[in-house]
């Protein structure tokens, strides 16, 4: 299949382009709007021919040709159930309306918008603007990561992906390969839980919870605190508790190893927490006719 021009808003590290290439969709031009210099660096290192457009708020100056596919994941921190629920008054959430304006102006054949789970009232507002209801897909079906997301699209016949049955330990490196290893085992407090949590450190805040590797990981986060920071902490050996490494996080997002190499580890974690799970996107885009 071939389409001519693709426009990716809030492009990040171009997970959408990885998905397009993985399923063999041919295209002539890939336009990207992104303002994070580190994300742009990673996108360009993997796809040097990406046409970077800059800030989405300046879209009226772009003068692009007809767009066939518009996709984006507008910043979600203002909507997230796990966040402060700042909704449409949050400046980041207002960027959703830039997506709507661009959609109405270019009238692409296909569009795809990704966002987090949110209050029903916010979800309904987005659905009313886009004219479609979202499909909820958990990345756990195609990855070792629990990551529930909503996808609004006019691409037809989207079903749930088949469950690949991957668990976290399937994508982990051996502990002997981990640099700057920190062992929290001696201060871990075991917990009796029906979830995948096996222990806590201190008071057990979100970043201080310890999980098994025999199930799915928790959701990668761009913004999070505690010892587990953006990946969670995991009991990976008899006396080993650690964070996930960037390569392991790349696998949770179905990206090639070292895809985000070239920036600091902190930036890699942030970008991967903001990114898309590639195989979910390939599943959706596979229905383009």
C-alpha atoms as a PDB file:
ATOM      1  CA  UNK A   1       0.000   0.000   0.000  1.00  0.00           C
ATOM      2  CA  UNK A   2       1.188   3.553  -0.643  1.00  0.00           C
ATOM      3  CA  UNK A   3       0.208   6.963   0.613  1.00  0.00           C
ATOM      4  CA  UNK A   4       1.974  10.182  -0.315  1.00  0.00           C
ATOM      5  CA  UNK A   5       2.251  12.554   2.629  1.00  0.00           C
ATOM      6  CA  UNK A   6       2.178  11.810   6.350  1.00  0.00           C
ATOM      7  CA  UNK A   7       1.972  14.442   9.077  1.00  0.00           C
ATOM      8  CA  UNK A   8       2.870  13.413  12.625  1.00  0.00           C
ATOM      9  CA  UNK A   9       2.052  15.934  15.351  1.00  0.00           C
ATOM     10  CA  UNK A  10       3.801  15.767  18.731  1.00  0.00           C
ATOM     11  CA  UNK A  11       6.028  13.293  16.922  1.00  0.00           C
ATOM     12  CA  UNK A  12       8.427  12.570  19.780  1.00  0.00           C
ATOM     13  CA  UNK A  13      10.883   9.872  18.744  1.00  0.00           C
ATOM     14  CA  UNK A  14       8.862   8.856  15.651  1.00  0.00           C
ATOM     15  CA  UNK A  15       7.379   5.610  16.927  1.00  0.00           C
ATOM     16  CA  UNK A  16       4.674   6.058  14.306  1.00  0.00           C
ATOM     17  CA  UNK A  17       7.276   5.987  11.547  1.00  0.00           C
ATOM     18  CA  UNK A  18       8.766   2.799  12.969  1.00  0.00           C
ATOM     19  CA  UNK A  19       5.274   1.281  12.732  1.00  0.00           C
ATOM     20  CA  UNK A  20       4.763   2.454   9.140  1.00  0.00           C
ATOM     21  CA  UNK A  21       8.067   0.990   8.014  1.00  0.00           C
ATOM     22  CA  UNK A  22       7.499  -2.237   9.906  1.00  0.00           C
ATOM     23  CA  UNK A  23       4.332  -3.026   7.934  1.00  0.00           C
ATOM     24  CA  UNK A  24       5.678  -1.772   4.624  1.00  0.00           C
ATOM     25  CA  UNK A  25       3.474   1.265   3.999  1.00  0.00           C
ATOM     26  CA  UNK A  26       5.191   3.318   1.308  1.00  0.00           C
ATOM     27  CA  UNK A  27       5.093   7.108   1.414  1.00  0.00           C
ATOM     28  CA  UNK A  28       6.951  10.024  -0.124  1.00  0.00           C
ATOM     29  CA  UNK A  29       7.150  12.580   2.676  1.00  0.00           C
ATOM     30  CA  UNK A  30       7.055  12.271   6.458  1.00  0.00           C
ATOM     31  CA  UNK A  31       6.439  15.623   8.141  1.00  0.00           C
ATOM     32  CA  UNK A  32       6.939  15.871  11.893  1.00  0.00           C
ATOM     33  CA  UNK A  33       6.042  18.531  14.423  1.00  0.00           C
ATOM     34  CA  UNK A  34       8.061  18.351  17.642  1.00  0.00           C
ATOM     35  CA  UNK A  35       9.757  20.870  19.947  1.00  0.00           C
ATOM     36  CA  UNK A  36      11.801  18.629  22.285  1.00  0.00           C
ATOM     37  CA  UNK A  37      15.379  18.868  21.012  1.00  0.00           C
ATOM     38  CA  UNK A  38      16.329  15.474  22.406  1.00  0.00           C
ATOM     39  CA  UNK A  39      13.370  13.722  20.802  1.00  0.00           C
ATOM     40  CA  UNK A  40      14.175  15.435  17.494  1.00  0.00           C
ATOM     41  CA  UNK A  41      17.779  14.237  17.776  1.00  0.00           C
ATOM     42  CA  UNK A  42      16.635  10.626  18.184  1.00  0.00           C
ATOM     43  CA  UNK A  43      14.069  10.881  15.387  1.00  0.00           C
ATOM     44  CA  UNK A  44      16.601  12.344  12.977  1.00  0.00           C
ATOM     45  CA  UNK A  45      19.303   9.839  13.893  1.00  0.00           C
ATOM     46  CA  UNK A  46      16.937   7.011  12.962  1.00  0.00           C
ATOM     47  CA  UNK A  47      15.166   8.774  10.064  1.00  0.00           C
ATOM     48  CA  UNK A  48      17.386  11.525   8.631  1.00  0.00           C
ATOM     49  CA  UNK A  49      14.897  12.374   5.871  1.00  0.00           C
ATOM     50  CA  UNK A  50      12.154  13.383   8.306  1.00  0.00           C
ATOM     51  CA  UNK A  51      10.966  16.918   7.533  1.00  0.00           C
ATOM     52  CA  UNK A  52      10.868  18.695  10.889  1.00  0.00           C
ATOM     53  CA  UNK A  53       8.328  21.534  11.072  1.00  0.00           C
ATOM     54  CA  UNK A  54       8.771  22.829  14.615  1.00  0.00           C
ATOM     55  CA  UNK A  55       6.064  24.014  16.980  1.00  0.00           C
ATOM     56  CA  UNK A  56       2.540  22.829  16.170  1.00  0.00           C
ATOM     57  CA  UNK A  57       1.188  26.218  17.220  1.00  0.00           C
ATOM     58  CA  UNK A  58       2.766  27.667  14.075  1.00  0.00           C
ATOM     59  CA  UNK A  59       0.996  25.234  11.738  1.00  0.00           C
ATOM     60  CA  UNK A  60      -0.649  27.978   9.660  1.00  0.00           C
ATOM     61  CA  UNK A  61       2.821  28.872   8.341  1.00  0.00           C
ATOM     62  CA  UNK A  62       3.633  25.368   7.110  1.00  0.00           C
ATOM     63  CA  UNK A  63       2.029  25.424   3.642  1.00  0.00           C
ATOM     64  CA  UNK A  64       2.041  21.635   3.232  1.00  0.00           C
ATOM     65  CA  UNK A  65       0.671  19.570   0.342  1.00  0.00           C
ATOM     66  CA  UNK A  66      -2.365  17.338   0.713  1.00  0.00           C
ATOM     67  CA  UNK A  67      -1.941  15.125   3.791  1.00  0.00           C
ATOM     68  CA  UNK A  68      -3.063  11.504   3.504  1.00  0.00           C
ATOM     69  CA  UNK A  69      -2.461  10.400   7.100  1.00  0.00           C
ATOM     70  CA  UNK A  70      -2.501  12.657  10.174  1.00  0.00           C
ATOM     71  CA  UNK A  71      -1.446  11.095  13.440  1.00  0.00           C
ATOM     72  CA  UNK A  72      -0.398  12.245  16.870  1.00  0.00           C
ATOM     73  CA  UNK A  73      -0.490  11.733  20.589  1.00  0.00           C
ATOM     74  CA  UNK A  74      -1.217  15.150  22.054  1.00  0.00           C
ATOM     75  CA  UNK A  75       0.425  15.724  25.459  1.00  0.00           C
ATOM     76  CA  UNK A  76      -1.502  13.699  27.975  1.00  0.00           C
ATOM     77  CA  UNK A  77      -0.424  15.026  31.362  1.00  0.00           C
ATOM     78  CA  UNK A  78      -3.496  17.250  31.605  1.00  0.00           C
ATOM     79  CA  UNK A  79      -5.902  14.351  31.047  1.00  0.00           C
ATOM     80  CA  UNK A  80      -4.338  11.373  32.823  1.00  0.00           C
ATOM     81  CA  UNK A  81      -6.227   9.417  35.457  1.00  0.00           C
ATOM     82  CA  UNK A  82      -2.894   9.074  37.277  1.00  0.00           C
ATOM     83  CA  UNK A  83      -2.176  12.799  36.954  1.00  0.00           C
ATOM     84  CA  UNK A  84      -3.886  15.865  38.393  1.00  0.00           C
ATOM     85  CA  UNK A  85      -6.913  15.765  36.073  1.00  0.00           C
ATOM     86  CA  UNK A  86      -6.315  19.340  34.909  1.00  0.00           C
ATOM     87  CA  UNK A  87      -8.343  18.613  31.757  1.00  0.00           C
ATOM     88  CA  UNK A  88      -8.740  21.205  29.007  1.00  0.00           C
ATOM     89  CA  UNK A  89      -7.566  24.115  31.134  1.00  0.00           C
ATOM     90  CA  UNK A  90      -4.063  22.657  31.168  1.00  0.00           C
ATOM     91  CA  UNK A  91      -1.931  24.319  28.440  1.00  0.00           C
ATOM     92  CA  UNK A  92      -0.649  20.903  27.345  1.00  0.00           C
ATOM     93  CA  UNK A  93      -4.166  19.546  26.914  1.00  0.00           C
ATOM     94  CA  UNK A  94      -5.174  22.565  24.848  1.00  0.00           C
ATOM     95  CA  UNK A  95      -2.771  21.335  22.161  1.00  0.00           C
ATOM     96  CA  UNK A  96      -5.490  18.809  21.322  1.00  0.00           C
ATOM     97  CA  UNK A  97      -7.341  21.654  19.608  1.00  0.00           C
ATOM     98  CA  UNK A  98      -4.338  22.252  17.351  1.00  0.00           C
ATOM     99  CA  UNK A  99      -4.791  18.651  16.199  1.00  0.00           C
ATOM    100  CA  UNK A 100      -8.483  19.360  15.537  1.00  0.00           C
ATOM    101  CA  UNK A 101      -7.749  22.546  13.585  1.00  0.00           C
ATOM    102  CA  UNK A 102      -5.141  20.793  11.439  1.00  0.00           C
ATOM    103  CA  UNK A 103      -7.488  17.860  10.858  1.00  0.00           C
ATOM    104  CA  UNK A 104     -10.237  20.201   9.688  1.00  0.00           C
ATOM    105  CA  UNK A 105      -7.893  22.210   7.471  1.00  0.00           C
ATOM    106  CA  UNK A 106      -6.057  19.399   5.654  1.00  0.00           C
ATOM    107  CA  UNK A 107      -8.910  16.861   5.710  1.00  0.00           C
ATOM    108  CA  UNK A 108      -6.642  13.792   5.449  1.00  0.00           C
ATOM    109  CA  UNK A 109      -8.048  10.488   4.297  1.00  0.00           C
ATOM    110  CA  UNK A 110      -7.031   8.888   7.599  1.00  0.00           C
ATOM    111  CA  UNK A 111      -6.309  10.172  11.083  1.00  0.00           C
ATOM    112  CA  UNK A 112      -5.153   8.630  14.354  1.00  0.00           C
ATOM    113  CA  UNK A 113      -5.056  10.277  17.778  1.00  0.00           C
ATOM    114  CA  UNK A 114      -3.686   8.521  20.850  1.00  0.00           C
ATOM    115  CA  UNK A 115      -4.206   9.537  24.449  1.00  0.00           C
ATOM    116  CA  UNK A 116      -4.394   8.189  27.976  1.00  0.00           C
ATOM    117  CA  UNK A 117      -7.404   6.863  29.828  1.00  0.00           C
ATOM    118  CA  UNK A 118      -9.311   9.824  31.214  1.00  0.00           C
ATOM    119  CA  UNK A 119     -12.578  10.878  32.774  1.00  0.00           C
ATOM    120  CA  UNK A 120     -15.553  10.037  30.601  1.00  0.00           C
ATOM    121  CA  UNK A 121     -16.500  13.704  30.227  1.00  0.00           C
ATOM    122  CA  UNK A 122     -13.128  14.543  28.651  1.00  0.00           C
ATOM    123  CA  UNK A 123     -13.266  11.460  26.469  1.00  0.00           C
ATOM    124  CA  UNK A 124     -16.704  12.483  25.217  1.00  0.00           C
ATOM    125  CA  UNK A 125     -15.470  15.977  24.314  1.00  0.00           C
ATOM    126  CA  UNK A 126     -12.654  14.534  22.204  1.00  0.00           C
ATOM    127  CA  UNK A 127     -15.036  12.072  20.560  1.00  0.00           C
ATOM    128  CA  UNK A 128     -17.467  14.861  19.687  1.00  0.00           C
ATOM    129  CA  UNK A 129     -14.727  16.891  18.016  1.00  0.00           C
ATOM    130  CA  UNK A 130     -13.322  13.941  16.070  1.00  0.00           C
ATOM    131  CA  UNK A 131     -16.612  12.275  15.191  1.00  0.00           C
ATOM    132  CA  UNK A 132     -15.512   8.804  16.285  1.00  0.00           C
ATOM    133  CA  UNK A 133     -15.446   6.830  19.511  1.00  0.00           C
ATOM    134  CA  UNK A 134     -12.071   5.670  20.849  1.00  0.00           C
ATOM    135  CA  UNK A 135     -10.829   2.110  20.919  1.00  0.00           C
ATOM    136  CA  UNK A 136      -9.147   1.122  24.189  1.00  0.00           C
ATOM    137  CA  UNK A 137      -6.122  -1.118  23.664  1.00  0.00           C
ATOM    138  CA  UNK A 138      -3.733  -2.339  26.336  1.00  0.00           C
ATOM    139  CA  UNK A 139      -0.160  -2.668  25.081  1.00  0.00           C
ATOM    140  CA  UNK A 140       0.053  -5.778  27.260  1.00  0.00           C
ATOM    141  CA  UNK A 141      -1.438  -7.711  24.344  1.00  0.00           C
ATOM    142  CA  UNK A 142       1.633  -7.090  22.168  1.00  0.00           C
ATOM    143  CA  UNK A 143       4.260  -6.267  24.773  1.00  0.00           C
ATOM    144  CA  UNK A 144       5.394  -7.074  28.297  1.00  0.00           C
ATOM    145  CA  UNK A 145       4.037  -3.703  29.484  1.00  0.00           C
ATOM    146  CA  UNK A 146       0.672  -2.769  30.920  1.00  0.00           C
ATOM    147  CA  UNK A 147      -0.220   0.418  29.054  1.00  0.00           C
ATOM    148  CA  UNK A 148      -3.899   1.215  28.546  1.00  0.00           C
ATOM    149  CA  UNK A 149      -4.416   3.853  25.888  1.00  0.00           C
ATOM    150  CA  UNK A 150      -7.304   5.282  23.864  1.00  0.00           C
ATOM    151  CA  UNK A 151      -7.105   5.515  20.071  1.00  0.00           C
ATOM    152  CA  UNK A 152      -9.444   7.685  18.005  1.00  0.00           C
ATOM    153  CA  UNK A 153      -9.280   6.873  14.305  1.00  0.00           C
ATOM    154  CA  UNK A 154     -11.345   6.699  11.124  1.00  0.00           C
ATOM    155  CA  UNK A 155      -9.291   3.721   9.928  1.00  0.00           C
ATOM    156  CA  UNK A 156     -11.930   0.989   9.636  1.00  0.00           C
ATOM    157  CA  UNK A 157     -12.308  -2.417  11.245  1.00  0.00           C
ATOM    158  CA  UNK A 158      -9.980  -2.043  14.225  1.00  0.00           C
ATOM    159  CA  UNK A 159     -10.201  -5.038  16.532  1.00  0.00           C
ATOM    160  CA  UNK A 160      -8.149  -6.024  19.565  1.00  0.00           C
ATOM    161  CA  UNK A 161      -4.659  -7.355  18.782  1.00  0.00           C
ATOM    162  CA  UNK A 162      -3.946 -10.993  19.434  1.00  0.00           C
ATOM    163  CA  UNK A 163      -2.270 -11.626  22.777  1.00  0.00           C
ATOM    164  CA  UNK A 164       1.401 -12.500  22.225  1.00  0.00           C
ATOM    165  CA  UNK A 165       1.713 -13.783  25.789  1.00  0.00           C
ATOM    166  CA  UNK A 166       4.911 -11.877  26.598  1.00  0.00           C
ATOM    167  CA  UNK A 167       5.917 -11.317  30.232  1.00  0.00           C
ATOM    168  CA  UNK A 168       8.576  -9.003  31.577  1.00  0.00           C
ATOM    169  CA  UNK A 169      11.309 -11.568  32.141  1.00  0.00           C
ATOM    170  CA  UNK A 170      11.099 -12.426  28.423  1.00  0.00           C
ATOM    171  CA  UNK A 171      12.644  -9.041  27.540  1.00  0.00           C
ATOM    172  CA  UNK A 172      15.122  -8.549  30.387  1.00  0.00           C
ATOM    173  CA  UNK A 173      18.904  -8.687  30.179  1.00  0.00           C
ATOM    174  CA  UNK A 174      20.819 -10.623  32.818  1.00  0.00           C
ATOM    175  CA  UNK A 175      21.632  -8.711  35.995  1.00  0.00           C
ATOM    176  CA  UNK A 176      25.339  -9.247  35.359  1.00  0.00           C
ATOM    177  CA  UNK A 177      25.096  -6.859  32.406  1.00  0.00           C
ATOM    178  CA  UNK A 178      23.581  -4.000  34.423  1.00  0.00           C
ATOM    179  CA  UNK A 179      25.808  -0.972  35.000  1.00  0.00           C
ATOM    180  CA  UNK A 180      25.710   1.126  38.182  1.00  0.00           C
ATOM    181  CA  UNK A 181      23.726  -1.583  39.891  1.00  0.00           C
ATOM    182  CA  UNK A 182      21.975  -0.657  43.156  1.00  0.00           C
ATOM    183  CA  UNK A 183      20.720  -3.405  45.452  1.00  0.00           C
ATOM    184  CA  UNK A 184      17.637  -2.485  47.453  1.00  0.00           C
ATOM    185  CA  UNK A 185      16.899  -6.029  48.609  1.00  0.00           C
ATOM    186  CA  UNK A 186      18.038  -5.506  52.204  1.00  0.00           C
ATOM    187  CA  UNK A 187      15.455  -2.748  52.776  1.00  0.00           C
ATOM    188  CA  UNK A 188      12.613  -4.346  50.845  1.00  0.00           C
ATOM    189  CA  UNK A 189       9.459  -5.078  52.824  1.00  0.00           C
ATOM    190  CA  UNK A 190       7.571  -8.061  51.372  1.00  0.00           C
ATOM    191  CA  UNK A 191       3.855  -7.609  50.734  1.00  0.00           C
ATOM    192  CA  UNK A 192       1.066 -10.108  50.263  1.00  0.00           C
ATOM    193  CA  UNK A 193      -0.720  -8.891  47.168  1.00  0.00           C
ATOM    194  CA  UNK A 194      -2.872 -10.431  44.447  1.00  0.00           C
ATOM    195  CA  UNK A 195      -1.330  -8.007  41.962  1.00  0.00           C
ATOM    196  CA  UNK A 196       2.174  -8.263  40.532  1.00  0.00           C
ATOM    197  CA  UNK A 197       3.600  -6.340  43.513  1.00  0.00           C
ATOM    198  CA  UNK A 198       5.944  -8.333  45.751  1.00  0.00           C
ATOM    199  CA  UNK A 199       7.415  -5.673  48.033  1.00  0.00           C
ATOM    200  CA  UNK A 200       7.896  -2.026  48.898  1.00  0.00           C
ATOM    201  CA  UNK A 201      10.644   0.296  50.060  1.00  0.00           C
ATOM    202  CA  UNK A 202       9.886   2.801  52.787  1.00  0.00           C
ATOM    203  CA  UNK A 203       6.251   3.869  52.662  1.00  0.00           C
ATOM    204  CA  UNK A 204       5.711   2.240  49.284  1.00  0.00           C
ATOM    205  CA  UNK A 205       4.956   5.248  47.129  1.00  0.00           C
ATOM    206  CA  UNK A 206       4.419   4.622  43.426  1.00  0.00           C
ATOM    207  CA  UNK A 207       8.148   4.742  42.637  1.00  0.00           C
ATOM    208  CA  UNK A 208       9.067   2.570  45.632  1.00  0.00           C
ATOM    209  CA  UNK A 209       6.924  -0.472  44.829  1.00  0.00           C
ATOM    210  CA  UNK A 210       8.646  -3.667  43.795  1.00  0.00           C
ATOM    211  CA  UNK A 211       7.129  -5.980  41.204  1.00  0.00           C
ATOM    212  CA  UNK A 212       7.634  -9.505  39.931  1.00  0.00           C
ATOM    213  CA  UNK A 213       9.090 -10.177  36.488  1.00  0.00           C
ATOM    214  CA  UNK A 214       6.701 -13.102  35.986  1.00  0.00           C
ATOM    215  CA  UNK A 215       3.902 -10.791  34.827  1.00  0.00           C
ATOM    216  CA  UNK A 216       3.653  -7.542  32.876  1.00  0.00           C
ATOM    217  CA  UNK A 217       5.607  -4.426  33.791  1.00  0.00           C
ATOM    218  CA  UNK A 218       3.899  -1.311  35.028  1.00  0.00           C
ATOM    219  CA  UNK A 219       3.410   1.541  32.564  1.00  0.00           C
ATOM    220  CA  UNK A 220       6.545   3.421  31.572  1.00  0.00           C
ATOM    221  CA  UNK A 221       6.229   7.032  32.690  1.00  0.00           C
ATOM    222  CA  UNK A 222       7.782  10.241  31.389  1.00  0.00           C
ATOM    223  CA  UNK A 223       7.316  11.982  34.719  1.00  0.00           C
ATOM    224  CA  UNK A 224       7.578  10.028  37.956  1.00  0.00           C
ATOM    225  CA  UNK A 225       9.535  10.002  41.215  1.00  0.00           C
ATOM    226  CA  UNK A 226      10.777   7.507  43.789  1.00  0.00           C
ATOM    227  CA  UNK A 227      13.594   5.023  43.505  1.00  0.00           C
ATOM    228  CA  UNK A 228      11.884   3.271  40.629  1.00  0.00           C
ATOM    229  CA  UNK A 229      11.407   6.606  38.905  1.00  0.00           C
ATOM    230  CA  UNK A 230       9.988   6.072  35.426  1.00  0.00           C
ATOM    231  CA  UNK A 231      10.199   2.272  35.058  1.00  0.00           C
ATOM    232  CA  UNK A 232       9.216   0.705  38.367  1.00  0.00           C
ATOM    233  CA  UNK A 233      11.389  -1.560  40.538  1.00  0.00           C
ATOM    234  CA  UNK A 234      11.576  -5.305  39.940  1.00  0.00           C
ATOM    235  CA  UNK A 235      12.777  -8.351  41.838  1.00  0.00           C
ATOM    236  CA  UNK A 236      14.980  -9.777  39.078  1.00  0.00           C
ATOM    237  CA  UNK A 237      16.950 -12.296  41.104  1.00  0.00           C
ATOM    238  CA  UNK A 238      17.002 -13.981  44.482  1.00  0.00           C
ATOM    239  CA  UNK A 239      18.421 -10.843  46.105  1.00  0.00           C
ATOM    240  CA  UNK A 240      18.275  -8.367  43.248  1.00  0.00           C
ATOM    241  CA  UNK A 241      15.949  -5.361  43.025  1.00  0.00           C
ATOM    242  CA  UNK A 242      16.485  -2.859  40.244  1.00  0.00           C
ATOM    243  CA  UNK A 243      15.021  -0.454  37.702  1.00  0.00           C
ATOM    244  CA  UNK A 244      14.700  -1.387  34.070  1.00  0.00           C
ATOM    245  CA  UNK A 245      17.474  -0.310  31.720  1.00  0.00           C
ATOM    246  CA  UNK A 246      16.812   1.831  28.620  1.00  0.00           C
ATOM    247  CA  UNK A 247      17.211  -1.093  26.198  1.00  0.00           C
ATOM    248  CA  UNK A 248      14.665  -3.083  28.181  1.00  0.00           C
ATOM    249  CA  UNK A 249      12.260  -0.132  28.056  1.00  0.00           C
ATOM    250  CA  UNK A 250      12.762   0.055  24.294  1.00  0.00           C
ATOM    251  CA  UNK A 251      11.644  -3.572  24.069  1.00  0.00           C
ATOM    252  CA  UNK A 252       8.543  -2.754  26.122  1.00  0.00           C
ATOM    253  CA  UNK A 253       7.677  -0.202  23.425  1.00  0.00           C
ATOM    254  CA  UNK A 254       8.537  -2.692  20.618  1.00  0.00           C
ATOM    255  CA  UNK A 255      11.465  -0.538  19.508  1.00  0.00           C
ATOM    256  CA  UNK A 256      14.839  -1.859  18.320  1.00  0.00           C
ATOM    257  CA  UNK A 257      17.601  -2.026  20.908  1.00  0.00           C
ATOM    258  CA  UNK A 258      19.582   1.226  21.155  1.00  0.00           C
ATOM    259  CA  UNK A 259      16.919   3.155  19.225  1.00  0.00           C
ATOM    260  CA  UNK A 260      17.133   6.017  21.755  1.00  0.00           C
ATOM    261  CA  UNK A 261      20.905   5.909  22.162  1.00  0.00           C
ATOM    262  CA  UNK A 262      22.739   9.219  21.840  1.00  0.00           C
ATOM    263  CA  UNK A 263      21.184  11.204  24.695  1.00  0.00           C
ATOM    264  CA  UNK A 264      21.368  10.890  28.484  1.00  0.00           C
ATOM    265  CA  UNK A 265      19.760   7.960  30.248  1.00  0.00           C
ATOM    266  CA  UNK A 266      17.299  10.347  31.912  1.00  0.00           C
ATOM    267  CA  UNK A 267      16.204  11.653  28.522  1.00  0.00           C
ATOM    268  CA  UNK A 268      15.872   8.119  27.151  1.00  0.00           C
ATOM    269  CA  UNK A 269      13.528   7.175  29.990  1.00  0.00           C
ATOM    270  CA  UNK A 270      11.479  10.338  29.480  1.00  0.00           C
ATOM    271  CA  UNK A 271      11.109   9.836  25.726  1.00  0.00           C
ATOM    272  CA  UNK A 272      10.215   6.172  26.055  1.00  0.00           C
ATOM    273  CA  UNK A 273       7.615   7.034  28.689  1.00  0.00           C
ATOM    274  CA  UNK A 274       6.091   9.510  26.240  1.00  0.00           C
ATOM    275  CA  UNK A 275       6.286   7.166  23.265  1.00  0.00           C
ATOM    276  CA  UNK A 276       3.912   4.784  21.558  1.00  0.00           C
ATOM    277  CA  UNK A 277       3.931   1.006  21.718  1.00  0.00           C
ATOM    278  CA  UNK A 278       4.894   0.339  18.115  1.00  0.00           C
ATOM    279  CA  UNK A 279       3.054  -2.942  17.587  1.00  0.00           C
ATOM    280  CA  UNK A 280      -0.245  -1.397  18.693  1.00  0.00           C
ATOM    281  CA  UNK A 281       0.223   1.260  16.016  1.00  0.00           C
ATOM    282  CA  UNK A 282       1.156  -1.334  13.382  1.00  0.00           C
ATOM    283  CA  UNK A 283      -2.014  -3.235  14.269  1.00  0.00           C
ATOM    284  CA  UNK A 284      -4.122  -0.122  13.648  1.00  0.00           C
ATOM    285  CA  UNK A 285      -2.321   1.094  10.519  1.00  0.00           C
ATOM    286  CA  UNK A 286      -2.499  -2.372   8.970  1.00  0.00           C
ATOM    287  CA  UNK A 287      -6.146  -1.617   8.212  1.00  0.00           C
ATOM    288  CA  UNK A 288      -5.325   1.244   5.845  1.00  0.00           C
ATOM    289  CA  UNK A 289      -6.611   0.243   2.413  1.00  0.00           C
END
